């Protein structure tokens, strides 16, 4: 779980690799009603299954006695069967309870696939894919408009105008961080990877 967060978590978050693919967020909710100081200190909670904080980078939300505090986090996330509850949030804001899975990477791949709708038309093509520096875009005749590159969160990281007279264009993507991106022009969308 820790490795999945480090390799795929949000850019710039504590513990996340500088080369993250930036395609998931993982967090845990601890709502068993015990004092939050007991999370890393198993001696103060005799029913503890271990220290869930030491060596863990993803955020853990601890709810102290949720029934008496008026805090609705436990109710909102329907905790009550086991602790901690570990969730994954995809770029499309889909929240999935993943628990303590032996293979959290299976959830990561589902998240990336489901995160952005891809209406793909054959009006543009790109090469190479994956790309390290220069990305070549080939266009069908008459294509024009704003050409954009978006990340998995839907944020535009690059844009330029394409003229109908242009049949190809080469973009220098050296400064683009490693990860999964989409190129869009009109109704055409193509997924590519930046190494």
C-alpha atoms as a PDB file:
ATOM      1  CA  UNK A   1       0.000   0.000   0.000  1.00  0.00           C
ATOM      2  CA  UNK A   2       2.813   2.374   0.927  1.00  0.00           C
ATOM      3  CA  UNK A   3       4.622   1.662  -2.339  1.00  0.00           C
ATOM      4  CA  UNK A   4       1.448   2.332  -4.364  1.00  0.00           C
ATOM      5  CA  UNK A   5       1.042   5.701  -2.621  1.00  0.00           C
ATOM      6  CA  UNK A   6       4.710   6.636  -3.097  1.00  0.00           C
ATOM      7  CA  UNK A   7       4.732   5.690  -6.809  1.00  0.00           C
ATOM      8  CA  UNK A   8       1.242   6.910  -7.797  1.00  0.00           C
ATOM      9  CA  UNK A   9       0.220   9.553  -5.225  1.00  0.00           C
ATOM     10  CA  UNK A  10      -0.289  13.290  -5.801  1.00  0.00           C
ATOM     11  CA  UNK A  11       2.677  15.334  -6.961  1.00  0.00           C
ATOM     12  CA  UNK A  12       4.271  17.300  -4.124  1.00  0.00           C
ATOM     13  CA  UNK A  13       2.595  15.414  -1.260  1.00  0.00           C
ATOM     14  CA  UNK A  14       4.771  14.227   1.648  1.00  0.00           C
ATOM     15  CA  UNK A  15       6.378  10.854   0.938  1.00  0.00           C
ATOM     16  CA  UNK A  16       5.356  10.790  -2.753  1.00  0.00           C
ATOM     17  CA  UNK A  17       8.138  10.141  -5.267  1.00  0.00           C
ATOM     18  CA  UNK A  18       9.274  13.011  -7.486  1.00  0.00           C
ATOM     19  CA  UNK A  19       8.624  10.668 -10.445  1.00  0.00           C
ATOM     20  CA  UNK A  20       5.048   9.830  -9.385  1.00  0.00           C
ATOM     21  CA  UNK A  21       2.479   9.032 -12.046  1.00  0.00           C
ATOM     22  CA  UNK A  22       0.104  11.308 -10.074  1.00  0.00           C
ATOM     23  CA  UNK A  23      -2.960   9.152 -10.740  1.00  0.00           C
ATOM     24  CA  UNK A  24      -4.328   8.233  -7.283  1.00  0.00           C
ATOM     25  CA  UNK A  25      -4.731   9.467  -3.731  1.00  0.00           C
ATOM     26  CA  UNK A  26      -4.772   7.034  -0.808  1.00  0.00           C
ATOM     27  CA  UNK A  27      -5.890   7.878   2.719  1.00  0.00           C
ATOM     28  CA  UNK A  28      -6.990   5.965   5.799  1.00  0.00           C
ATOM     29  CA  UNK A  29      -9.701   6.627   8.386  1.00  0.00           C
ATOM     30  CA  UNK A  30      -9.236   5.334  11.920  1.00  0.00           C
ATOM     31  CA  UNK A  31     -12.575   5.524  13.738  1.00  0.00           C
ATOM     32  CA  UNK A  32     -12.465   2.841  16.413  1.00  0.00           C
ATOM     33  CA  UNK A  33     -13.045   5.443  19.143  1.00  0.00           C
ATOM     34  CA  UNK A  34      -9.659   5.076  20.834  1.00  0.00           C
ATOM     35  CA  UNK A  35      -7.386   8.024  21.475  1.00  0.00           C
ATOM     36  CA  UNK A  36      -5.395   8.961  18.360  1.00  0.00           C
ATOM     37  CA  UNK A  37      -2.125   8.729  20.286  1.00  0.00           C
ATOM     38  CA  UNK A  38      -2.718   4.966  20.469  1.00  0.00           C
ATOM     39  CA  UNK A  39      -2.272   4.527  16.693  1.00  0.00           C
ATOM     40  CA  UNK A  40       1.543   4.319  16.808  1.00  0.00           C
ATOM     41  CA  UNK A  41       1.596   3.091  20.425  1.00  0.00           C
ATOM     42  CA  UNK A  42       0.132  -0.406  20.591  1.00  0.00           C
ATOM     43  CA  UNK A  43       0.737  -0.658  24.356  1.00  0.00           C
ATOM     44  CA  UNK A  44      -2.132   1.758  25.128  1.00  0.00           C
ATOM     45  CA  UNK A  45      -4.677  -0.260  23.163  1.00  0.00           C
ATOM     46  CA  UNK A  46      -4.812  -3.973  23.956  1.00  0.00           C
ATOM     47  CA  UNK A  47      -6.997  -4.741  20.920  1.00  0.00           C
ATOM     48  CA  UNK A  48      -4.569  -3.093  18.478  1.00  0.00           C
ATOM     49  CA  UNK A  49      -3.382  -5.099  15.474  1.00  0.00           C
ATOM     50  CA  UNK A  50      -0.171  -3.080  15.260  1.00  0.00           C
ATOM     51  CA  UNK A  51       1.328   0.295  14.425  1.00  0.00           C
ATOM     52  CA  UNK A  52      -0.379   1.612  11.269  1.00  0.00           C
ATOM     53  CA  UNK A  53       1.456   4.969  11.156  1.00  0.00           C
ATOM     54  CA  UNK A  54       5.204   4.382  11.416  1.00  0.00           C
ATOM     55  CA  UNK A  55       6.665   4.083   7.929  1.00  0.00           C
ATOM     56  CA  UNK A  56       3.406   5.148   6.276  1.00  0.00           C
ATOM     57  CA  UNK A  57       3.285   8.273   4.109  1.00  0.00           C
ATOM     58  CA  UNK A  58      -0.378   8.369   3.113  1.00  0.00           C
ATOM     59  CA  UNK A  59      -2.621  10.529   5.344  1.00  0.00           C
ATOM     60  CA  UNK A  60      -4.553   8.915   8.189  1.00  0.00           C
ATOM     61  CA  UNK A  61      -7.611  10.686   9.566  1.00  0.00           C
ATOM     62  CA  UNK A  62      -8.167   9.753  13.202  1.00  0.00           C
ATOM     63  CA  UNK A  63     -11.646  10.267  14.653  1.00  0.00           C
ATOM     64  CA  UNK A  64     -11.778  10.274  18.463  1.00  0.00           C
ATOM     65  CA  UNK A  65     -15.028   8.829  19.804  1.00  0.00           C
ATOM     66  CA  UNK A  66     -17.068   9.713  16.691  1.00  0.00           C
ATOM     67  CA  UNK A  67     -20.403   8.999  18.420  1.00  0.00           C
ATOM     68  CA  UNK A  68     -19.872  11.765  20.983  1.00  0.00           C
ATOM     69  CA  UNK A  69     -17.857  14.315  19.025  1.00  0.00           C
ATOM     70  CA  UNK A  70     -20.434  15.271  16.416  1.00  0.00           C
ATOM     71  CA  UNK A  71     -17.856  14.362  13.767  1.00  0.00           C
ATOM     72  CA  UNK A  72     -19.559  12.685  10.810  1.00  0.00           C
ATOM     73  CA  UNK A  73     -16.459  11.349   9.021  1.00  0.00           C
ATOM     74  CA  UNK A  74     -17.031   7.827  10.315  1.00  0.00           C
ATOM     75  CA  UNK A  75     -20.695   7.895   9.300  1.00  0.00           C
ATOM     76  CA  UNK A  76     -19.967   9.533   5.921  1.00  0.00           C
ATOM     77  CA  UNK A  77     -17.464   6.834   5.038  1.00  0.00           C
ATOM     78  CA  UNK A  78     -19.526   4.043   6.652  1.00  0.00           C
ATOM     79  CA  UNK A  79     -16.779   2.812   8.949  1.00  0.00           C
ATOM     80  CA  UNK A  80     -17.619   0.273  11.614  1.00  0.00           C
ATOM     81  CA  UNK A  81     -16.428  -3.182  10.586  1.00  0.00           C
ATOM     82  CA  UNK A  82     -12.629  -3.022  10.732  1.00  0.00           C
ATOM     83  CA  UNK A  83      -9.948  -0.367  11.112  1.00  0.00           C
ATOM     84  CA  UNK A  84      -8.292   1.464   9.545  1.00  0.00           C
ATOM     85  CA  UNK A  85     -10.432   1.981   6.448  1.00  0.00           C
ATOM     86  CA  UNK A  86      -8.173   2.677   3.479  1.00  0.00           C
ATOM     87  CA  UNK A  87      -9.601   4.527   0.482  1.00  0.00           C
ATOM     88  CA  UNK A  88      -8.357   5.406  -2.981  1.00  0.00           C
ATOM     89  CA  UNK A  89      -9.516   8.521  -4.835  1.00  0.00           C
ATOM     90  CA  UNK A  90      -9.221   8.584  -8.644  1.00  0.00           C
ATOM     91  CA  UNK A  91      -8.745  11.772 -10.675  1.00  0.00           C
ATOM     92  CA  UNK A  92     -12.442  11.602 -11.646  1.00  0.00           C
ATOM     93  CA  UNK A  93     -13.211  11.841  -7.863  1.00  0.00           C
ATOM     94  CA  UNK A  94     -14.408   8.234  -7.596  1.00  0.00           C
ATOM     95  CA  UNK A  95     -13.776   7.006  -4.035  1.00  0.00           C
ATOM     96  CA  UNK A  96     -13.154   3.275  -3.543  1.00  0.00           C
ATOM     97  CA  UNK A  97     -12.705   1.407  -0.265  1.00  0.00           C
ATOM     98  CA  UNK A  98      -9.618  -0.727  -0.884  1.00  0.00           C
ATOM     99  CA  UNK A  99      -9.011  -1.963   2.658  1.00  0.00           C
ATOM    100  CA  UNK A 100      -5.765  -3.799   3.272  1.00  0.00           C
ATOM    101  CA  UNK A 101      -5.307  -5.411  -0.129  1.00  0.00           C
ATOM    102  CA  UNK A 102      -2.386  -7.695  -0.918  1.00  0.00           C
ATOM    103  CA  UNK A 103      -2.203  -6.157  -4.422  1.00  0.00           C
ATOM    104  CA  UNK A 104      -3.242  -2.475  -4.351  1.00  0.00           C
ATOM    105  CA  UNK A 105      -1.782  -1.999  -7.845  1.00  0.00           C
ATOM    106  CA  UNK A 106      -4.843  -3.725  -9.326  1.00  0.00           C
ATOM    107  CA  UNK A 107      -6.894  -0.768  -8.087  1.00  0.00           C
ATOM    108  CA  UNK A 108      -4.415   1.760  -9.525  1.00  0.00           C
ATOM    109  CA  UNK A 109      -4.795   0.419 -13.057  1.00  0.00           C
ATOM    110  CA  UNK A 110      -8.604   0.466 -12.771  1.00  0.00           C
ATOM    111  CA  UNK A 111      -8.441   4.043 -11.553  1.00  0.00           C
ATOM    112  CA  UNK A 112      -6.321   5.260 -14.449  1.00  0.00           C
ATOM    113  CA  UNK A 113      -8.525   3.561 -17.044  1.00  0.00           C
ATOM    114  CA  UNK A 114     -11.774   4.864 -15.603  1.00  0.00           C
ATOM    115  CA  UNK A 115     -10.540   8.343 -14.761  1.00  0.00           C
ATOM    116  CA  UNK A 116     -10.929  10.113 -18.096  1.00  0.00           C
ATOM    117  CA  UNK A 117     -13.304   9.382 -20.912  1.00  0.00           C
ATOM    118  CA  UNK A 118     -11.419   8.910 -24.130  1.00  0.00           C
ATOM    119  CA  UNK A 119     -13.417   9.744 -27.246  1.00  0.00           C
ATOM    120  CA  UNK A 120     -10.742   8.673 -29.721  1.00  0.00           C
ATOM    121  CA  UNK A 121     -10.988   9.605 -33.378  1.00  0.00           C
ATOM    122  CA  UNK A 122      -8.367   8.996 -36.032  1.00  0.00           C
ATOM    123  CA  UNK A 123      -7.888  12.681 -36.862  1.00  0.00           C
ATOM    124  CA  UNK A 124      -4.536  12.887 -35.088  1.00  0.00           C
ATOM    125  CA  UNK A 125      -1.681  10.514 -34.364  1.00  0.00           C
ATOM    126  CA  UNK A 126       1.373  10.897 -32.149  1.00  0.00           C
ATOM    127  CA  UNK A 127       4.828   9.353 -31.950  1.00  0.00           C
ATOM    128  CA  UNK A 128       6.774   8.119 -30.145  1.00  0.00           C
ATOM    129  CA  UNK A 129       4.674   6.763 -27.300  1.00  0.00           C
ATOM    130  CA  UNK A 130       6.075   6.764 -24.654  1.00  0.00           C
ATOM    131  CA  UNK A 131       7.952  10.002 -25.292  1.00  0.00           C
ATOM    132  CA  UNK A 132      11.108  11.304 -23.618  1.00  0.00           C
ATOM    133  CA  UNK A 133      11.663  14.686 -25.284  1.00  0.00           C
ATOM    134  CA  UNK A 134      10.029  15.477 -28.646  1.00  0.00           C
ATOM    135  CA  UNK A 135       6.462  14.450 -29.439  1.00  0.00           C
ATOM    136  CA  UNK A 136       5.470  14.446 -33.120  1.00  0.00           C
ATOM    137  CA  UNK A 137       1.817  15.120 -33.919  1.00  0.00           C
ATOM    138  CA  UNK A 138       0.427  14.178 -37.337  1.00  0.00           C
ATOM    139  CA  UNK A 139      -2.904  15.745 -38.322  1.00  0.00           C
ATOM    140  CA  UNK A 140      -5.502  15.062 -40.972  1.00  0.00           C
ATOM    141  CA  UNK A 141      -5.826  17.855 -43.497  1.00  0.00           C
ATOM    142  CA  UNK A 142      -8.096  20.646 -42.377  1.00  0.00           C
ATOM    143  CA  UNK A 143      -7.737  20.041 -38.619  1.00  0.00           C
ATOM    144  CA  UNK A 144      -7.359  23.251 -36.630  1.00  0.00           C
ATOM    145  CA  UNK A 145      -8.098  24.691 -33.215  1.00  0.00           C
ATOM    146  CA  UNK A 146      -6.599  24.616 -29.744  1.00  0.00           C
ATOM    147  CA  UNK A 147      -4.319  21.635 -29.162  1.00  0.00           C
ATOM    148  CA  UNK A 148      -3.932  20.793 -25.471  1.00  0.00           C
ATOM    149  CA  UNK A 149      -2.144  18.277 -23.281  1.00  0.00           C
ATOM    150  CA  UNK A 150      -3.946  17.442 -20.027  1.00  0.00           C
ATOM    151  CA  UNK A 151      -2.859  15.420 -17.020  1.00  0.00           C
ATOM    152  CA  UNK A 152      -4.936  12.780 -15.215  1.00  0.00           C
ATOM    153  CA  UNK A 153      -6.566  15.473 -13.097  1.00  0.00           C
ATOM    154  CA  UNK A 154      -7.849  17.199 -16.233  1.00  0.00           C
ATOM    155  CA  UNK A 155      -5.480  20.167 -15.795  1.00  0.00           C
ATOM    156  CA  UNK A 156      -4.080  21.659 -18.994  1.00  0.00           C
ATOM    157  CA  UNK A 157      -0.276  21.425 -18.873  1.00  0.00           C
ATOM    158  CA  UNK A 158       0.373  22.601 -22.439  1.00  0.00           C
ATOM    159  CA  UNK A 159      -1.632  24.347 -25.149  1.00  0.00           C
ATOM    160  CA  UNK A 160      -1.023  25.744 -28.619  1.00  0.00           C
ATOM    161  CA  UNK A 161      -3.072  26.729 -31.645  1.00  0.00           C
ATOM    162  CA  UNK A 162      -3.023  24.384 -34.637  1.00  0.00           C
ATOM    163  CA  UNK A 163      -3.651  25.868 -38.085  1.00  0.00           C
ATOM    164  CA  UNK A 164      -5.583  23.992 -40.783  1.00  0.00           C
ATOM    165  CA  UNK A 165      -2.506  24.227 -43.039  1.00  0.00           C
ATOM    166  CA  UNK A 166      -0.302  22.324 -40.560  1.00  0.00           C
ATOM    167  CA  UNK A 167      -0.067  18.576 -41.166  1.00  0.00           C
ATOM    168  CA  UNK A 168       2.466  17.883 -38.429  1.00  0.00           C
ATOM    169  CA  UNK A 169       3.994  19.569 -35.452  1.00  0.00           C
ATOM    170  CA  UNK A 170       6.834  18.670 -33.083  1.00  0.00           C
ATOM    171  CA  UNK A 171       6.520  19.607 -29.425  1.00  0.00           C
ATOM    172  CA  UNK A 172       9.430  19.745 -26.972  1.00  0.00           C
ATOM    173  CA  UNK A 173       8.125  18.000 -23.826  1.00  0.00           C
ATOM    174  CA  UNK A 174      11.462  17.837 -21.990  1.00  0.00           C
ATOM    175  CA  UNK A 175      10.131  19.867 -19.045  1.00  0.00           C
ATOM    176  CA  UNK A 176       6.946  17.786 -18.678  1.00  0.00           C
ATOM    177  CA  UNK A 177       6.992  15.502 -15.620  1.00  0.00           C
ATOM    178  CA  UNK A 178       6.866  11.737 -16.088  1.00  0.00           C
ATOM    179  CA  UNK A 179       3.347  10.329 -16.133  1.00  0.00           C
ATOM    180  CA  UNK A 180       0.222   9.610 -18.135  1.00  0.00           C
ATOM    181  CA  UNK A 181      -1.261  12.407 -20.281  1.00  0.00           C
ATOM    182  CA  UNK A 182      -3.861  13.004 -22.974  1.00  0.00           C
ATOM    183  CA  UNK A 183      -3.503  15.075 -26.138  1.00  0.00           C
ATOM    184  CA  UNK A 184      -6.712  16.689 -27.356  1.00  0.00           C
ATOM    185  CA  UNK A 185      -7.685  18.501 -30.531  1.00  0.00           C
ATOM    186  CA  UNK A 186     -11.369  18.994 -31.208  1.00  0.00           C
ATOM    187  CA  UNK A 187     -13.102  15.650 -30.595  1.00  0.00           C
ATOM    188  CA  UNK A 188      -9.860  13.692 -30.904  1.00  0.00           C
ATOM    189  CA  UNK A 189      -8.089  12.410 -27.787  1.00  0.00           C
ATOM    190  CA  UNK A 190      -5.026  10.180 -27.526  1.00  0.00           C
ATOM    191  CA  UNK A 191      -3.375   8.877 -24.367  1.00  0.00           C
ATOM    192  CA  UNK A 192       0.416   8.909 -24.068  1.00  0.00           C
ATOM    193  CA  UNK A 193       3.113   8.371 -21.483  1.00  0.00           C
ATOM    194  CA  UNK A 194       5.968  10.763 -20.725  1.00  0.00           C
ATOM    195  CA  UNK A 195       9.123   9.019 -19.454  1.00  0.00           C
END
